[in-house]
Amino acid sequence: MFMTENAETLTFEQRVTSGLDAIMKVYEVPKEIRQSVLKEVMAMDYRSSGNYVFEEFYSFVEEKMKENYGKR
């Protein structure tokens, strides 16, 4: 997106925050709302959410495999 000279030294969180902030600026979202949204987004634990979704999907697939192909 917006590359700077020190892009390699930015943390993942800084890059995500900068990107989201830039997108919201394009749509003229007021600064107070942008800051609030960024705070909420960065507070979420996406890793545990992703693990939960993966585990649920894995269980679903196992169940359907047993239904369709039986126990092997």
PDB file of N, CA and C in Angstrom:
ATOM      1  N   MET A   1       0.825  -1.177   0.000  1.00  0.00           N
ATOM      2  CA  MET A   1       0.000   0.000   0.000  1.00  0.00           C
ATOM      3  C   MET A   1       0.868   1.238   0.000  1.00  0.00           C
ATOM      4  N   PHE A   2       0.954   1.868   1.165  1.00  0.00           N
ATOM      5  CA  PHE A   2       1.793   3.052   1.290  1.00  0.00           C
ATOM      6  C   PHE A   2       3.126   2.601   1.861  1.00  0.00           C
ATOM      7  N   MET A   3       4.107   2.450   1.013  1.00  0.00           N
ATOM      8  CA  MET A   3       5.404   1.953   1.461  1.00  0.00           C
ATOM      9  C   MET A   3       6.265   3.120   1.943  1.00  0.00           C
ATOM     10  N   THR A   4       6.941   2.876   3.020  1.00  0.00           N
ATOM     11  CA  THR A   4       7.883   3.866   3.528  1.00  0.00           C
ATOM     12  C   THR A   4       9.258   3.239   3.549  1.00  0.00           C
ATOM     13  N   GLU A   5      10.249   4.053   3.801  1.00  0.00           N
ATOM     14  CA  GLU A   5      11.613   3.543   3.838  1.00  0.00           C
ATOM     15  C   GLU A   5      11.816   2.549   4.971  1.00  0.00           C
ATOM     16  N   ASN A   6      11.079   2.712   6.069  1.00  0.00           N
ATOM     17  CA  ASN A   6      11.290   1.832   7.220  1.00  0.00           C
ATOM     18  C   ASN A   6      10.195   0.773   7.328  1.00  0.00           C
ATOM     19  N   ALA A   7       9.595   0.377   6.207  1.00  0.00           N
ATOM     20  CA  ALA A   7       8.512  -0.605   6.210  1.00  0.00           C
ATOM     21  C   ALA A   7       8.965  -1.932   6.824  1.00  0.00           C
ATOM     22  N   GLU A   8      10.231  -2.281   6.664  1.00  0.00           N
ATOM     23  CA  GLU A   8      10.730  -3.549   7.197  1.00  0.00           C
ATOM     24  C   GLU A   8      10.789  -3.541   8.721  1.00  0.00           C
ATOM     25  N   THR A   9      10.896  -2.367   9.322  1.00  0.00           N
ATOM     26  CA  THR A   9      11.034  -2.296  10.773  1.00  0.00           C
ATOM     27  C   THR A   9       9.694  -2.193  11.495  1.00  0.00           C
ATOM     28  N   LEU A  10       8.608  -2.011  10.750  1.00  0.00           N
ATOM     29  CA  LEU A  10       7.295  -1.928  11.378  1.00  0.00           C
ATOM     30  C   LEU A  10       6.832  -3.308  11.824  1.00  0.00           C
ATOM     31  N   THR A  11       6.164  -3.339  12.965  1.00  0.00           N
ATOM     32  CA  THR A  11       5.612  -4.608  13.433  1.00  0.00           C
ATOM     33  C   THR A  11       4.364  -4.942  12.622  1.00  0.00           C
ATOM     34  N   PHE A  12       3.917  -6.176  12.728  1.00  0.00           N
ATOM     35  CA  PHE A  12       2.703  -6.596  12.040  1.00  0.00           C
ATOM     36  C   PHE A  12       1.525  -5.718  12.462  1.00  0.00           C
ATOM     37  N   GLU A  13       1.423  -5.468  13.765  1.00  0.00           N
ATOM     38  CA  GLU A  13       0.329  -4.645  14.279  1.00  0.00           C
ATOM     39  C   GLU A  13       0.363  -3.233  13.711  1.00  0.00           C
ATOM     40  N   GLN A  14       1.558  -2.675  13.591  1.00  0.00           N
ATOM     41  CA  GLN A  14       1.694  -1.329  13.040  1.00  0.00           C
ATOM     42  C   GLN A  14       1.284  -1.291  11.568  1.00  0.00           C
ATOM     43  N   ARG A  15       1.657  -2.319  10.818  1.00  0.00           N
ATOM     44  CA  ARG A  15       1.287  -2.369   9.407  1.00  0.00           C
ATOM     45  C   ARG A  15      -0.217  -2.518   9.229  1.00  0.00           C
ATOM     46  N   VAL A  16      -0.832  -3.371  10.041  1.00  0.00           N
ATOM     47  CA  VAL A  16      -2.286  -3.550   9.959  1.00  0.00           C
ATOM     48  C   VAL A  16      -2.990  -2.250  10.333  1.00  0.00           C
ATOM     49  N   THR A  17      -2.567  -1.635  11.429  1.00  0.00           N
ATOM     50  CA  THR A  17      -3.178  -0.387  11.874  1.00  0.00           C
ATOM     51  C   THR A  17      -3.031   0.697  10.815  1.00  0.00           C
ATOM     52  N   SER A  18      -1.852   0.826  10.242  1.00  0.00           N
ATOM     53  CA  SER A  18      -1.614   1.846   9.205  1.00  0.00           C
ATOM     54  C   SER A  18      -2.483   1.604   7.983  1.00  0.00           C
ATOM     55  N   GLY A  19      -2.578   0.352   7.574  1.00  0.00           N
ATOM     56  CA  GLY A  19      -3.393   0.015   6.405  1.00  0.00           C
ATOM     57  C   GLY A  19      -4.866   0.309   6.620  1.00  0.00           C
ATOM     58  N   LEU A  20      -5.385  -0.130   7.763  1.00  0.00           N
ATOM     59  CA  LEU A  20      -6.796   0.126   8.057  1.00  0.00           C
ATOM     60  C   LEU A  20      -7.080   1.613   8.192  1.00  0.00           C
ATOM     61  N   ASP A  21      -6.170   2.323   8.825  1.00  0.00           N
ATOM     62  CA  ASP A  21      -6.339   3.762   8.984  1.00  0.00           C
ATOM     63  C   ASP A  21      -6.365   4.446   7.617  1.00  0.00           C
ATOM     64  N   ALA A  22      -5.484   4.039   6.729  1.00  0.00           N
ATOM     65  CA  ALA A  22      -5.439   4.632   5.391  1.00  0.00           C
ATOM     66  C   ALA A  22      -6.736   4.368   4.630  1.00  0.00           C
ATOM     67  N   ILE A  23      -7.262   3.150   4.746  1.00  0.00           N
ATOM     68  CA  ILE A  23      -8.515   2.818   4.064  1.00  0.00           C
ATOM     69  C   ILE A  23      -9.650   3.687   4.591  1.00  0.00           C
ATOM     70  N   MET A  24      -9.719   3.837   5.909  1.00  0.00           N
ATOM     71  CA  MET A  24     -10.795   4.648   6.482  1.00  0.00           C
ATOM     72  C   MET A  24     -10.647   6.122   6.119  1.00  0.00           C
ATOM     73  N   LYS A  25      -9.398   6.591   5.965  1.00  0.00           N
ATOM     74  CA  LYS A  25      -9.187   7.978   5.537  1.00  0.00           C
ATOM     75  C   LYS A  25      -9.720   8.200   4.133  1.00  0.00           C
ATOM     76  N   VAL A  26      -9.540   7.217   3.261  1.00  0.00           N
ATOM     77  CA  VAL A  26     -10.036   7.323   1.893  1.00  0.00           C
ATOM     78  C   VAL A  26     -11.546   7.565   1.897  1.00  0.00           C
ATOM     79  N   TYR A  27     -12.235   6.897   2.817  1.00  0.00           N
ATOM     80  CA  TYR A  27     -13.688   7.043   2.912  1.00  0.00           C
ATOM     81  C   TYR A  27     -14.101   8.154   3.872  1.00  0.00           C
ATOM     82  N   GLU A  28     -13.149   8.982   4.249  1.00  0.00           N
ATOM     83  CA  GLU A  28     -13.383  10.169   5.074  1.00  0.00           C
ATOM     84  C   GLU A  28     -14.071   9.854   6.407  1.00  0.00           C
ATOM     85  N   VAL A  29     -13.649   8.757   7.032  1.00  0.00           N
ATOM     86  CA  VAL A  29     -14.154   8.414   8.356  1.00  0.00           C
ATOM     87  C   VAL A  29     -13.501   9.373   9.349  1.00  0.00           C
ATOM     88  N   PRO A  30     -14.292   9.994  10.227  1.00  0.00           N
ATOM     89  CA  PRO A  30     -13.724  10.932  11.198  1.00  0.00           C
ATOM     90  C   PRO A  30     -12.655  10.275  12.081  1.00  0.00           C
ATOM     91  N   LYS A  31     -11.681  11.069  12.490  1.00  0.00           N
ATOM     92  CA  LYS A  31     -10.536  10.573  13.248  1.00  0.00           C
ATOM     93  C   LYS A  31     -10.950   9.836  14.520  1.00  0.00           C
ATOM     94  N   GLU A  32     -11.921  10.370  15.254  1.00  0.00           N
ATOM     95  CA  GLU A  32     -12.351   9.734  16.501  1.00  0.00           C
ATOM     96  C   GLU A  32     -12.903   8.337  16.245  1.00  0.00           C
ATOM     97  N   ILE A  33     -13.681   8.197  15.184  1.00  0.00           N
ATOM     98  CA  ILE A  33     -14.252   6.889  14.850  1.00  0.00           C
ATOM     99  C   ILE A  33     -13.157   5.942  14.388  1.00  0.00           C
ATOM    100  N   ARG A  34     -12.217   6.443  13.559  1.00  0.00           N
ATOM    101  CA  ARG A  34     -11.098   5.596  13.111  1.00  0.00           C
ATOM    102  C   ARG A  34     -10.324   5.055  14.296  1.00  0.00           C
ATOM    103  N   GLN A  35     -10.018   5.931  15.254  1.00  0.00           N
ATOM    104  CA  GLN A  35      -9.254   5.502  16.427  1.00  0.00           C
ATOM    105  C   GLN A  35     -10.020   4.463  17.225  1.00  0.00           C
ATOM    106  N   SER A  36     -11.313   4.639  17.367  1.00  0.00           N
ATOM    107  CA  SER A  36     -12.141   3.696  18.110  1.00  0.00           C
ATOM    108  C   SER A  36     -12.182   2.331  17.413  1.00  0.00           C
ATOM    109  N   VAL A  37     -12.365   2.362  16.104  1.00  0.00           N
ATOM    110  CA  VAL A  37     -12.418   1.117  15.330  1.00  0.00           C
ATOM    111  C   VAL A  37     -11.078   0.389  15.399  1.00  0.00           C
ATOM    112  N   LEU A  38      -9.990   1.121  15.224  1.00  0.00           N
ATOM    113  CA  LEU A  38      -8.668   0.503  15.275  1.00  0.00           C
ATOM    114  C   LEU A  38      -8.403  -0.120  16.642  1.00  0.00           C
ATOM    115  N   LYS A  39      -8.826   0.553  17.688  1.00  0.00           N
ATOM    116  CA  LYS A  39      -8.637   0.025  19.043  1.00  0.00           C
ATOM    117  C   LYS A  39      -9.392  -1.296  19.204  1.00  0.00           C
ATOM    118  N   GLU A  40     -10.628  -1.346  18.717  1.00  0.00           N
ATOM    119  CA  GLU A  40     -11.429  -2.567  18.810  1.00  0.00           C
ATOM    120  C   GLU A  40     -10.825  -3.695  17.982  1.00  0.00           C
ATOM    121  N   VAL A  41     -10.419  -3.377  16.765  1.00  0.00           N
ATOM    122  CA  VAL A  41      -9.860  -4.405  15.873  1.00  0.00           C
ATOM    123  C   VAL A  41      -8.583  -4.989  16.459  1.00  0.00           C
ATOM    124  N   MET A  42      -7.720  -4.146  16.974  1.00  0.00           N
ATOM    125  CA  MET A  42      -6.448  -4.638  17.499  1.00  0.00           C
ATOM    126  C   MET A  42      -6.607  -5.349  18.837  1.00  0.00           C
ATOM    127  N   ALA A  43      -7.729  -5.158  19.519  1.00  0.00           N
ATOM    128  CA  ALA A  43      -7.966  -5.831  20.796  1.00  0.00           C
ATOM    129  C   ALA A  43      -8.464  -7.265  20.607  1.00  0.00           C
ATOM    130  N   MET A  44      -8.949  -7.590  19.420  1.00  0.00           N
ATOM    131  CA  MET A  44      -9.484  -8.928  19.175  1.00  0.00           C
ATOM    132  C   MET A  44      -8.357  -9.959  19.113  1.00  0.00           C
ATOM    133  N   ASP A  45      -8.660 -11.148  19.590  1.00  0.00           N
ATOM    134  CA  ASP A  45      -7.707 -12.253  19.530  1.00  0.00           C
ATOM    135  C   ASP A  45      -8.084 -13.139  18.339  1.00  0.00           C
ATOM    136  N   TYR A  46      -7.574 -12.785  17.174  1.00  0.00           N
ATOM    137  CA  TYR A  46      -7.940 -13.482  15.954  1.00  0.00           C
ATOM    138  C   TYR A  46      -7.356 -14.888  15.897  1.00  0.00           C
ATOM    139  N   ARG A  47      -6.245 -15.107  16.563  1.00  0.00           N
ATOM    140  CA  ARG A  47      -5.643 -16.439  16.546  1.00  0.00           C
ATOM    141  C   ARG A  47      -6.554 -17.462  17.220  1.00  0.00           C
ATOM    142  N   SER A  48      -7.080 -17.138  18.395  1.00  0.00           N
ATOM    143  CA  SER A  48      -7.954 -18.092  19.073  1.00  0.00           C
ATOM    144  C   SER A  48      -9.273 -18.244  18.318  1.00  0.00           C
ATOM    145  N   SER A  49      -9.765 -17.165  17.724  1.00  0.00           N
ATOM    146  CA  SER A  49     -10.984 -17.259  16.917  1.00  0.00           C
ATOM    147  C   SER A  49     -10.754 -18.181  15.727  1.00  0.00           C
ATOM    148  N   GLY A  50      -9.624 -18.025  15.072  1.00  0.00           N
ATOM    149  CA  GLY A  50      -9.289 -18.872  13.933  1.00  0.00           C
ATOM    150  C   GLY A  50      -9.131 -20.324  14.324  1.00  0.00           C
ATOM    151  N   ASN A  51      -8.495 -20.581  15.469  1.00  0.00           N
ATOM    152  CA  ASN A  51      -8.347 -21.952  15.944  1.00  0.00           C
ATOM    153  C   ASN A  51      -9.699 -22.587  16.231  1.00  0.00           C
ATOM    154  N   TYR A  52     -10.606 -21.814  16.822  1.00  0.00           N
ATOM    155  CA  TYR A  52     -11.941 -22.325  17.126  1.00  0.00           C
ATOM    156  C   TYR A  52     -12.666 -22.703  15.834  1.00  0.00           C
ATOM    157  N   VAL A  53     -12.628 -21.825  14.842  1.00  0.00           N
ATOM    158  CA  VAL A  53     -13.293 -22.095  13.562  1.00  0.00           C
ATOM    159  C   VAL A  53     -12.678 -23.328  12.911  1.00  0.00           C
ATOM    160  N   PHE A  54     -11.364 -23.432  12.940  1.00  0.00           N
ATOM    161  CA  PHE A  54     -10.693 -24.593  12.346  1.00  0.00           C
ATOM    162  C   PHE A  54     -11.107 -25.885  13.046  1.00  0.00           C
ATOM    163  N   GLU A  55     -11.114 -25.882  14.374  1.00  0.00           N
ATOM    164  CA  GLU A  55     -11.484 -27.086  15.126  1.00  0.00           C
ATOM    165  C   GLU A  55     -12.926 -27.495  14.839  1.00  0.00           C
ATOM    166  N   GLU A  56     -13.832 -26.522  14.771  1.00  0.00           N
ATOM    167  CA  GLU A  56     -15.232 -26.825  14.461  1.00  0.00           C
ATOM    168  C   GLU A  56     -15.359 -27.410  13.046  1.00  0.00           C
ATOM    169  N   PHE A  57     -14.653 -26.830  12.100  1.00  0.00           N
ATOM    170  CA  PHE A  57     -14.692 -27.320  10.726  1.00  0.00           C
ATOM    171  C   PHE A  57     -14.108 -28.728  10.637  1.00  0.00           C
ATOM    172  N   TYR A  58     -13.017 -28.959  11.329  1.00  0.00           N
ATOM    173  CA  TYR A  58     -12.372 -30.268  11.328  1.00  0.00           C
ATOM    174  C   TYR A  58     -13.336 -31.323  11.881  1.00  0.00           C
ATOM    175  N   SER A  59     -14.019 -30.994  12.981  1.00  0.00           N
ATOM    176  CA  SER A  59     -14.994 -31.920  13.572  1.00  0.00           C
ATOM    177  C   SER A  59     -16.136 -32.194  12.601  1.00  0.00           C
ATOM    178  N   PHE A  60     -16.597 -31.163  11.931  1.00  0.00           N
ATOM    179  CA  PHE A  60     -17.672 -31.313  10.952  1.00  0.00           C
ATOM    180  C   PHE A  60     -17.243 -32.259   9.827  1.00  0.00           C
ATOM    181  N   VAL A  61     -16.050 -32.060   9.307  1.00  0.00           N
ATOM    182  CA  VAL A  61     -15.559 -32.907   8.216  1.00  0.00           C
ATOM    183  C   VAL A  61     -15.417 -34.348   8.683  1.00  0.00           C
ATOM    184  N   GLU A  62     -14.874 -34.567   9.870  1.00  0.00           N
ATOM    185  CA  GLU A  62     -14.746 -35.929  10.396  1.00  0.00           C
ATOM    186  C   GLU A  62     -16.107 -36.604  10.514  1.00  0.00           C
ATOM    187  N   GLU A  63     -17.081 -35.865  11.027  1.00  0.00           N
ATOM    188  CA  GLU A  63     -18.430 -36.404  11.189  1.00  0.00           C
ATOM    189  C   GLU A  63     -19.029 -36.791   9.832  1.00  0.00           C
ATOM    190  N   LYS A  64     -18.903 -35.927   8.848  1.00  0.00           N
ATOM    191  CA  LYS A  64     -19.446 -36.199   7.518  1.00  0.00           C
ATOM    192  C   LYS A  64     -18.720 -37.358   6.844  1.00  0.00           C
ATOM    193  N   MET A  65     -17.420 -37.469   7.071  1.00  0.00           N
ATOM    194  CA  MET A  65     -16.663 -38.593   6.504  1.00  0.00           C
ATOM    195  C   MET A  65     -17.158 -39.909   7.092  1.00  0.00           C
ATOM    196  N   LYS A  66     -17.413 -39.926   8.396  1.00  0.00           N
ATOM    197  CA  LYS A  66     -17.918 -41.141   9.033  1.00  0.00           C
ATOM    198  C   LYS A  66     -19.312 -41.476   8.520  1.00  0.00           C
ATOM    199  N   GLU A  67     -20.161 -40.455   8.356  1.00  0.00           N
ATOM    200  CA  GLU A  67     -21.517 -40.685   7.843  1.00  0.00           C
ATOM    201  C   GLU A  67     -21.488 -41.258   6.433  1.00  0.00           C
ATOM    202  N   ASN A  68     -20.625 -40.714   5.602  1.00  0.00           N
ATOM    203  CA  ASN A  68     -20.619 -41.101   4.194  1.00  0.00           C
ATOM    204  C   ASN A  68     -19.772 -42.328   3.883  1.00  0.00           C
ATOM    205  N   TYR A  69     -18.705 -42.537   4.628  1.00  0.00           N
ATOM    206  CA  TYR A  69     -17.790 -43.624   4.304  1.00  0.00           C
ATOM    207  C   TYR A  69     -17.663 -44.641   5.416  1.00  0.00           C
ATOM    208  N   GLY A  70     -18.293 -44.428   6.545  1.00  0.00           N
ATOM    209  CA  GLY A  70     -18.228 -45.358   7.654  1.00  0.00           C
ATOM    210  C   GLY A  70     -16.856 -45.354   8.309  1.00  0.00           C
ATOM    211  N   LYS A  71     -16.765 -46.138   9.359  1.00  0.00           N
ATOM    212  CA  LYS A  71     -15.483 -46.243  10.071  1.00  0.00           C
ATOM    213  C   LYS A  71     -14.545 -47.149   9.289  1.00  0.00           C
ATOM    214  N   ARG A  72     -13.318 -46.761   9.219  1.00  0.00           N
ATOM    215  CA  ARG A  72     -12.317 -47.552   8.498  1.00  0.00           C
ATOM    216  C   ARG A  72     -11.321 -48.126   9.430  1.00  0.00           C
TER     217      ARG A  72
END
